[in-house]
Amino acid sequence: MSMSREGEGTGPAGGSATGQRPNLADLRVEIDRIDEAMHRLLMERGEIIATLIAVKRSDETGSAFRPGREADMMRRLAARHHGLLPLDTAEGIWRVIIGTFTYVQKPYAVHADISGGDAPMRDSARFHFGFTVPYRTHASAAEVIAAVAASAGDLGMFRSDQGAQAGAWWTALADPAAPKIIARLPFIERPDHPAGTPVYVVAKPLADAAARERVLVSLRLERWHGAVPATLAKLGAAAISSAATENGLSLLVEGPGDLGPQRLSEEVAAMGASVLGASEVGAHAERFAFKPG
C-alpha cells in the first residue's frame, strides 16, 4: 500500500490536504473503509431490528409492512441523491434492505400475476423486495388476491393496467376484511426505470398503512352515465378501469386521499347516475416524479 508523505495528510475522500491528486492505492483503501463501514451499519441495523422484534412480541401484533413510512424514506432518498451513482441503484439497494428486514421481522411471500408475462413481474418483485423473499406466480389478479386473503401476511402484485379481459377484479377487495391495495410501484417515476412495470401491491388490511395521498374506490352503477367523467374530474379523480358485472357496471376510481366512498356516491348520483354502492379498495402514496439533472 502506498503511504502519503509526511506532512501531506489525506482528505475525507482520499485526496491530499495540499490538493495533490491521490494515487490508486489510496483510493482503494478509502473504498475498503467505506465498504466495511456500510457493512457494519447494516449489521447494526439488524441488531436494532432484533430488538424491535422482541418489543413487538410483547407489545403488538400485525403486519410489519409500513407503506407510509417506506414512502417517506424513498422521498428523502430521492430528494438528497446526487453524484455518479444512478438513483435506480440507490433505490434498489434501499428497497432490498427494507424488504429483507421486513421479511426478517415477519416472513412473507410475494404473489405475482404473470398473465402479462413472468419477466416484468419477476423484475419488479426482485427490485422492490429482493431475492430473500419467496416469489409465487399465479395466472390472474383474482388468484393473487385470493392467495393473499388465504395467507398469514403475504403481499400480492399485479399490473395496474389489467385490461378488459381481467373483469372487475377490484370488487374482490371491497369487503372490509378483504385484502387492500397498499402501494403503487414503482414509487419513483422516471424514464427507463429498470422495474418500470406499473403494479399494485395488495395486503390484508393494515393497522398502520398511513399512505393515503391517493385512494381507490370501487363504484357500482346500474349503467353508464355520460356525466361521470366530468363529475370525477371535478373531484380530482378519474375512472382508471371499468367492467360489466352481473348487476350493472363497476368502475375503479382513483382520487385524492380525502375522497371517500360516500362523497363519491353522492356527487355521481347528483349528476343523474344510478349508483348502487361504493367501497374503498385501497390507498397509496403519491408517486415521486424524478427529473434527471
Protein backbone atom coordinates (compact mmCIF):
# COMPACT_ATOMS: atom_id res chain seq x y z
CA MET A 1 0.00 0.00 0.00
CA SER A 2 1.37 3.43 -0.92
CA MET A 3 1.60 5.80 2.04
CA SER A 4 1.25 9.59 1.96
CA ARG A 5 4.45 11.53 2.58
CA GLU A 6 4.92 13.07 5.98
CA GLY A 7 3.08 16.35 6.38
CA GLU A 8 0.69 15.84 3.44
CA GLY A 9 -2.30 14.30 5.23
CA THR A 10 -5.38 12.96 3.45
CA GLY A 11 -8.83 14.38 2.94
CA PRO A 12 -12.13 12.58 3.57
CA ALA A 13 -12.25 11.13 0.03
CA GLY A 14 -8.60 10.14 -0.20
CA GLY A 15 -7.36 13.48 -1.54
CA SER A 16 -4.37 15.19 -0.02
CA ALA A 17 -4.59 18.29 2.15
CA THR A 18 -2.28 20.07 -0.32
CA GLY A 19 -4.54 19.28 -3.28
CA GLN A 20 -2.20 16.61 -4.67
CA ARG A 21 -4.03 14.00 -6.73
CA PRO A 22 -4.40 10.76 -4.69
CA ASN A 23 -2.97 7.58 -6.11
CA LEU A 24 -4.98 4.43 -6.86
CA ALA A 25 -3.81 2.58 -3.77
CA ASP A 26 -5.04 5.39 -1.51
CA LEU A 27 -8.42 5.45 -3.24
CA ARG A 28 -8.82 1.69 -2.89
CA VAL A 29 -8.08 1.94 0.81
CA GLU A 30 -10.83 4.54 1.11
CA ILE A 31 -13.27 2.31 -0.80
CA ASP A 32 -12.46 -0.62 1.51
CA ARG A 33 -13.02 1.63 4.53
CA ILE A 34 -16.42 2.76 3.23
CA ASP A 35 -17.46 -0.81 2.31
CA GLU A 36 -16.62 -2.01 5.83
CA ALA A 37 -18.48 0.92 7.39
CA MET A 38 -21.59 0.17 5.30
CA HIS A 39 -21.49 -3.49 6.31
CA ARG A 40 -21.12 -2.60 9.98
CA LEU A 41 -24.06 -0.20 9.73
CA LEU A 42 -26.20 -2.91 8.14
CA MET A 43 -25.32 -5.30 10.96
CA GLU A 44 -26.12 -2.54 13.46
CA ARG A 45 -29.48 -2.07 11.75
CA GLY A 46 -30.02 -5.80 12.14
CA GLU A 47 -29.36 -5.55 15.87
CA ILE A 48 -31.96 -2.81 16.15
CA ILE A 49 -34.44 -4.92 14.18
CA ALA A 50 -33.79 -7.83 16.56
CA THR A 51 -34.69 -5.57 19.48
CA LEU A 52 -37.74 -4.34 17.57
CA ILE A 53 -38.90 -7.92 17.05
CA ALA A 54 -38.61 -8.61 20.79
CA VAL A 55 -40.59 -5.46 21.61
CA LYS A 56 -43.31 -6.31 19.09
CA ARG A 57 -43.73 -9.80 20.52
CA SER A 58 -44.74 -8.30 23.84
CA ASP A 59 -46.44 -5.07 22.76
CA GLU A 60 -48.23 -5.57 19.45
CA THR A 61 -49.26 -7.92 16.69
CA GLY A 62 -49.99 -7.50 13.00
CA SER A 63 -48.11 -6.87 9.80
CA ALA A 64 -44.58 -5.48 9.59
CA PHE A 65 -45.45 -3.51 6.43
CA ARG A 66 -45.43 0.28 6.80
CA PRO A 67 -46.10 1.71 3.31
CA GLY A 68 -46.42 5.27 4.60
CA ARG A 69 -43.05 5.16 6.35
CA GLU A 70 -41.48 3.48 3.34
CA ALA A 71 -42.79 6.21 1.02
CA ASP A 72 -41.30 8.89 3.31
CA MET A 73 -37.93 7.10 3.24
CA MET A 74 -37.97 6.90 -0.56
CA ARG A 75 -38.87 10.58 -0.91
CA ARG A 76 -35.98 11.59 1.33
CA LEU A 77 -33.60 9.31 -0.57
CA ALA A 78 -34.61 10.72 -3.96
CA ALA A 79 -34.53 14.32 -2.72
CA ARG A 80 -30.98 14.12 -1.35
CA HIS A 81 -29.48 11.90 -4.05
CA HIS A 82 -26.76 13.29 -6.29
CA GLY A 83 -23.50 12.24 -7.88
CA LEU A 84 -22.25 9.39 -10.06
CA LEU A 85 -24.34 6.57 -8.56
CA PRO A 86 -27.62 6.17 -10.52
CA LEU A 87 -30.74 6.82 -8.45
CA ASP A 88 -32.12 3.46 -9.65
CA THR A 89 -29.20 1.70 -7.94
CA ALA A 90 -29.61 3.64 -4.71
CA GLU A 91 -33.35 2.97 -4.72
CA GLY A 92 -32.80 -0.74 -5.43
CA ILE A 93 -30.33 -1.08 -2.55
CA TRP A 94 -32.72 0.57 -0.11
CA ARG A 95 -35.64 -1.48 -1.40
CA VAL A 96 -33.75 -4.72 -0.80
CA ILE A 97 -32.76 -3.55 2.69
CA ILE A 98 -36.34 -2.63 3.59
CA GLY A 99 -37.89 -5.73 2.02
CA THR A 100 -35.38 -8.11 3.61
CA PHE A 101 -35.53 -6.63 7.09
CA THR A 102 -39.34 -6.65 6.89
CA TYR A 103 -39.09 -10.36 5.99
CA VAL A 104 -36.77 -10.94 8.95
CA GLN A 105 -39.36 -9.33 11.25
CA LYS A 106 -42.21 -11.43 9.89
CA PRO A 107 -41.66 -13.83 6.94
CA TYR A 108 -43.87 -13.30 3.91
CA ALA A 109 -44.07 -14.25 0.24
CA VAL A 110 -44.85 -12.12 -2.81
CA HIS A 111 -47.60 -13.49 -5.07
CA ALA A 112 -47.45 -12.21 -8.65
CA ASP A 113 -49.90 -12.29 -11.55
CA ILE A 114 -47.86 -13.35 -14.59
CA SER A 115 -50.73 -13.33 -17.11
CA GLY A 116 -48.90 -10.49 -18.91
CA GLY A 117 -45.51 -12.24 -18.72
CA ASP A 118 -43.31 -13.52 -15.93
CA ALA A 119 -40.17 -11.49 -16.66
CA PRO A 120 -41.52 -7.98 -15.92
CA MET A 121 -43.25 -9.12 -12.75
CA ARG A 122 -40.20 -11.02 -11.55
CA ASP A 123 -38.03 -7.96 -12.24
CA SER A 124 -40.43 -5.78 -10.27
CA ALA A 125 -40.62 -8.22 -7.35
CA ARG A 126 -36.84 -8.65 -7.12
CA PHE A 127 -36.14 -4.93 -7.47
CA HIS A 128 -38.63 -3.93 -4.77
CA PHE A 129 -38.38 -6.87 -2.36
CA GLY A 130 -35.05 -8.58 -3.08
CA PHE A 131 -34.17 -12.25 -3.51
CA THR A 132 -34.70 -13.40 0.08
CA VAL A 133 -38.49 -13.04 -0.10
CA PRO A 134 -40.17 -16.06 -1.79
CA TYR A 135 -41.80 -15.34 -5.16
CA ARG A 136 -45.02 -17.18 -6.11
CA THR A 137 -46.67 -16.99 -9.53
CA HIS A 138 -50.37 -17.00 -10.44
CA ALA A 139 -52.47 -16.78 -13.59
CA SER A 140 -54.55 -13.71 -12.74
CA ALA A 141 -55.06 -10.79 -10.39
CA ALA A 142 -58.04 -12.62 -8.90
CA GLU A 143 -55.82 -15.59 -8.00
CA VAL A 144 -53.26 -13.27 -6.41
CA ILE A 145 -55.94 -11.60 -4.28
CA ALA A 146 -57.26 -15.00 -3.18
CA ALA A 147 -53.75 -16.18 -2.26
CA VAL A 148 -53.12 -13.06 -0.16
CA ALA A 149 -56.51 -13.47 1.55
CA ALA A 150 -55.66 -17.06 2.45
CA SER A 151 -52.17 -16.25 3.74
CA ALA A 152 -50.92 -15.21 7.16
CA GLY A 153 -49.50 -11.94 5.84
CA ASP A 154 -48.23 -12.17 2.27
CA LEU A 155 -48.14 -9.50 -0.42
CA GLY A 156 -49.64 -9.65 -3.89
CA MET A 157 -48.60 -7.89 -7.11
CA PHE A 158 -50.38 -7.40 -10.40
CA ARG A 159 -50.32 -4.90 -13.22
CA SER A 160 -52.39 -1.80 -12.61
CA ASP A 161 -53.47 -1.84 -16.28
CA GLN A 162 -55.13 -5.25 -16.27
CA GLY A 163 -57.28 -4.75 -19.36
CA ALA A 164 -60.87 -5.73 -20.08
CA GLN A 165 -60.18 -9.47 -20.08
CA ALA A 166 -59.48 -9.38 -16.32
CA GLY A 167 -63.02 -8.21 -15.49
CA ALA A 168 -63.85 -6.22 -12.35
CA TRP A 169 -61.03 -7.73 -10.27
CA TRP A 170 -61.16 -4.84 -7.76
CA THR A 171 -64.57 -5.95 -6.46
CA ALA A 172 -62.74 -8.77 -4.63
CA LEU A 173 -61.17 -6.03 -2.47
CA ALA A 174 -64.45 -4.35 -1.50
CA ASP A 175 -65.28 -6.27 1.67
CA PRO A 176 -63.76 -4.55 4.75
CA ALA A 177 -61.91 -7.75 5.71
CA ALA A 178 -60.60 -8.39 2.16
CA PRO A 179 -57.06 -7.51 1.04
CA LYS A 180 -56.49 -3.88 0.06
CA ILE A 181 -54.16 -2.04 -2.31
CA ILE A 182 -51.37 -0.55 -0.18
CA ALA A 183 -48.92 0.68 -2.83
CA ARG A 184 -48.48 1.52 -6.48
CA LEU A 185 -45.00 0.76 -7.83
CA PRO A 186 -42.59 1.96 -8.98
CA PHE A 187 -42.80 4.72 -6.40
CA ILE A 188 -40.04 6.81 -8.01
CA GLU A 189 -41.21 7.60 -11.53
CA ARG A 190 -38.54 8.15 -14.15
CA PRO A 191 -37.91 7.20 -17.80
CA ASP A 192 -36.28 3.80 -18.36
CA HIS A 193 -36.82 2.60 -14.79
CA PRO A 194 -35.35 -0.92 -14.53
CA ALA A 195 -38.55 -2.17 -12.88
CA GLY A 196 -40.93 0.23 -14.59
CA THR A 197 -43.98 -2.03 -15.00
CA PRO A 198 -46.83 -0.23 -13.17
CA VAL A 199 -48.13 -2.58 -10.47
CA TYR A 200 -50.42 -2.51 -7.48
CA VAL A 201 -49.37 -4.19 -4.25
CA VAL A 202 -52.10 -5.74 -2.09
CA ALA A 203 -52.03 -6.95 1.51
CA LYS A 204 -54.50 -7.80 4.21
CA PRO A 205 -55.82 -4.61 5.85
CA LEU A 206 -53.02 -2.86 7.75
CA ALA A 207 -53.46 -1.15 11.11
CA ASP A 208 -50.78 1.40 10.20
CA ALA A 209 -50.92 1.90 6.43
CA ALA A 210 -50.66 5.73 6.63
CA ALA A 211 -50.24 6.21 2.88
CA ARG A 212 -53.41 7.92 1.72
CA GLU A 213 -52.38 10.58 -0.77
CA ARG A 214 -54.40 8.61 -3.35
CA VAL A 215 -57.43 6.41 -2.67
CA LEU A 216 -59.07 3.75 -4.81
CA VAL A 217 -62.83 3.22 -4.72
CA SER A 218 -64.98 0.57 -6.33
CA LEU A 219 -68.05 2.43 -7.66
CA ARG A 220 -71.05 0.36 -8.75
CA LEU A 221 -73.50 1.84 -11.26
CA GLU A 222 -76.70 0.48 -12.75
CA ARG A 223 -75.47 1.67 -16.13
CA TRP A 224 -73.03 4.11 -17.68
CA HIS A 225 -73.88 7.80 -17.49
CA GLY A 226 -72.22 10.41 -19.68
CA ALA A 227 -71.77 12.88 -16.82
CA VAL A 228 -69.49 10.55 -14.85
CA PRO A 229 -66.11 11.64 -16.32
CA ALA A 230 -66.77 15.35 -15.73
CA THR A 231 -68.03 14.68 -12.21
CA LEU A 232 -64.94 12.67 -11.35
CA ALA A 233 -62.67 15.31 -12.85
CA LYS A 234 -64.32 17.96 -10.66
CA LEU A 235 -63.33 15.83 -7.65
CA GLY A 236 -59.75 15.43 -8.89
CA ALA A 237 -60.50 11.79 -9.66
CA ALA A 238 -60.71 9.50 -12.69
CA ALA A 239 -62.03 6.05 -13.60
CA ILE A 240 -58.90 4.02 -14.33
CA SER A 241 -60.74 0.74 -15.08
CA SER A 242 -64.29 -0.38 -15.78
CA ALA A 243 -66.04 -3.71 -16.32
CA ALA A 244 -69.52 -5.09 -16.61
CA THR A 245 -70.88 -7.06 -13.64
CA GLU A 246 -73.99 -9.15 -13.05
CA ASN A 247 -75.81 -6.12 -11.63
CA GLY A 248 -74.53 -3.41 -13.94
CA LEU A 249 -71.20 -1.63 -14.26
CA SER A 250 -68.26 -1.34 -11.88
CA LEU A 251 -65.67 1.45 -12.01
CA LEU A 252 -62.30 1.56 -10.28
CA VAL A 253 -61.91 5.22 -9.33
CA GLU A 254 -58.66 6.82 -8.20
CA GLY A 255 -58.84 10.16 -6.42
CA PRO A 256 -57.32 12.35 -3.72
CA GLY A 257 -56.93 10.97 -0.21
CA ASP A 258 -59.95 12.79 1.21
CA LEU A 259 -62.36 11.34 -1.37
CA GLY A 260 -64.40 8.74 0.49
CA PRO A 261 -66.97 6.32 -0.98
CA GLN A 262 -69.96 8.23 0.42
CA ARG A 263 -68.97 11.57 -1.06
CA LEU A 264 -68.13 9.94 -4.38
CA SER A 265 -71.52 8.23 -4.48
CA GLU A 266 -73.36 11.43 -3.62
CA GLU A 267 -71.56 13.52 -6.22
CA VAL A 268 -72.10 10.99 -9.02
CA ALA A 269 -75.74 10.41 -8.06
CA ALA A 270 -76.36 14.18 -8.05
CA MET A 271 -75.45 14.26 -11.75
CA GLY A 272 -78.17 11.73 -12.55
CA ALA A 273 -76.31 8.40 -12.47
CA SER A 274 -77.92 5.45 -10.72
CA VAL A 275 -75.41 4.48 -8.03
CA LEU A 276 -75.70 1.02 -6.50
CA GLY A 277 -72.90 1.46 -3.96
CA ALA A 278 -69.24 2.27 -3.39
CA SER A 279 -66.43 0.77 -1.30
CA GLU A 280 -62.84 1.79 -0.69
CA VAL A 281 -60.50 -0.88 -2.03
CA GLY A 282 -57.14 0.66 -1.17
CA ALA A 283 -54.90 3.68 -0.93
CA HIS A 284 -51.31 4.52 -1.73
CA ALA A 285 -48.73 7.28 -1.60
CA GLU A 286 -48.43 9.91 -4.29
CA ARG A 287 -45.65 8.79 -6.61
CA PHE A 288 -42.40 10.73 -6.70
CA ALA A 289 -41.62 12.15 -10.13
CA PHE A 290 -37.85 12.28 -10.54
CA LYS A 291 -36.49 14.74 -13.09
CA PRO A 292 -32.86 13.99 -14.01
CA GLY A 293 -30.46 16.71 -13.95
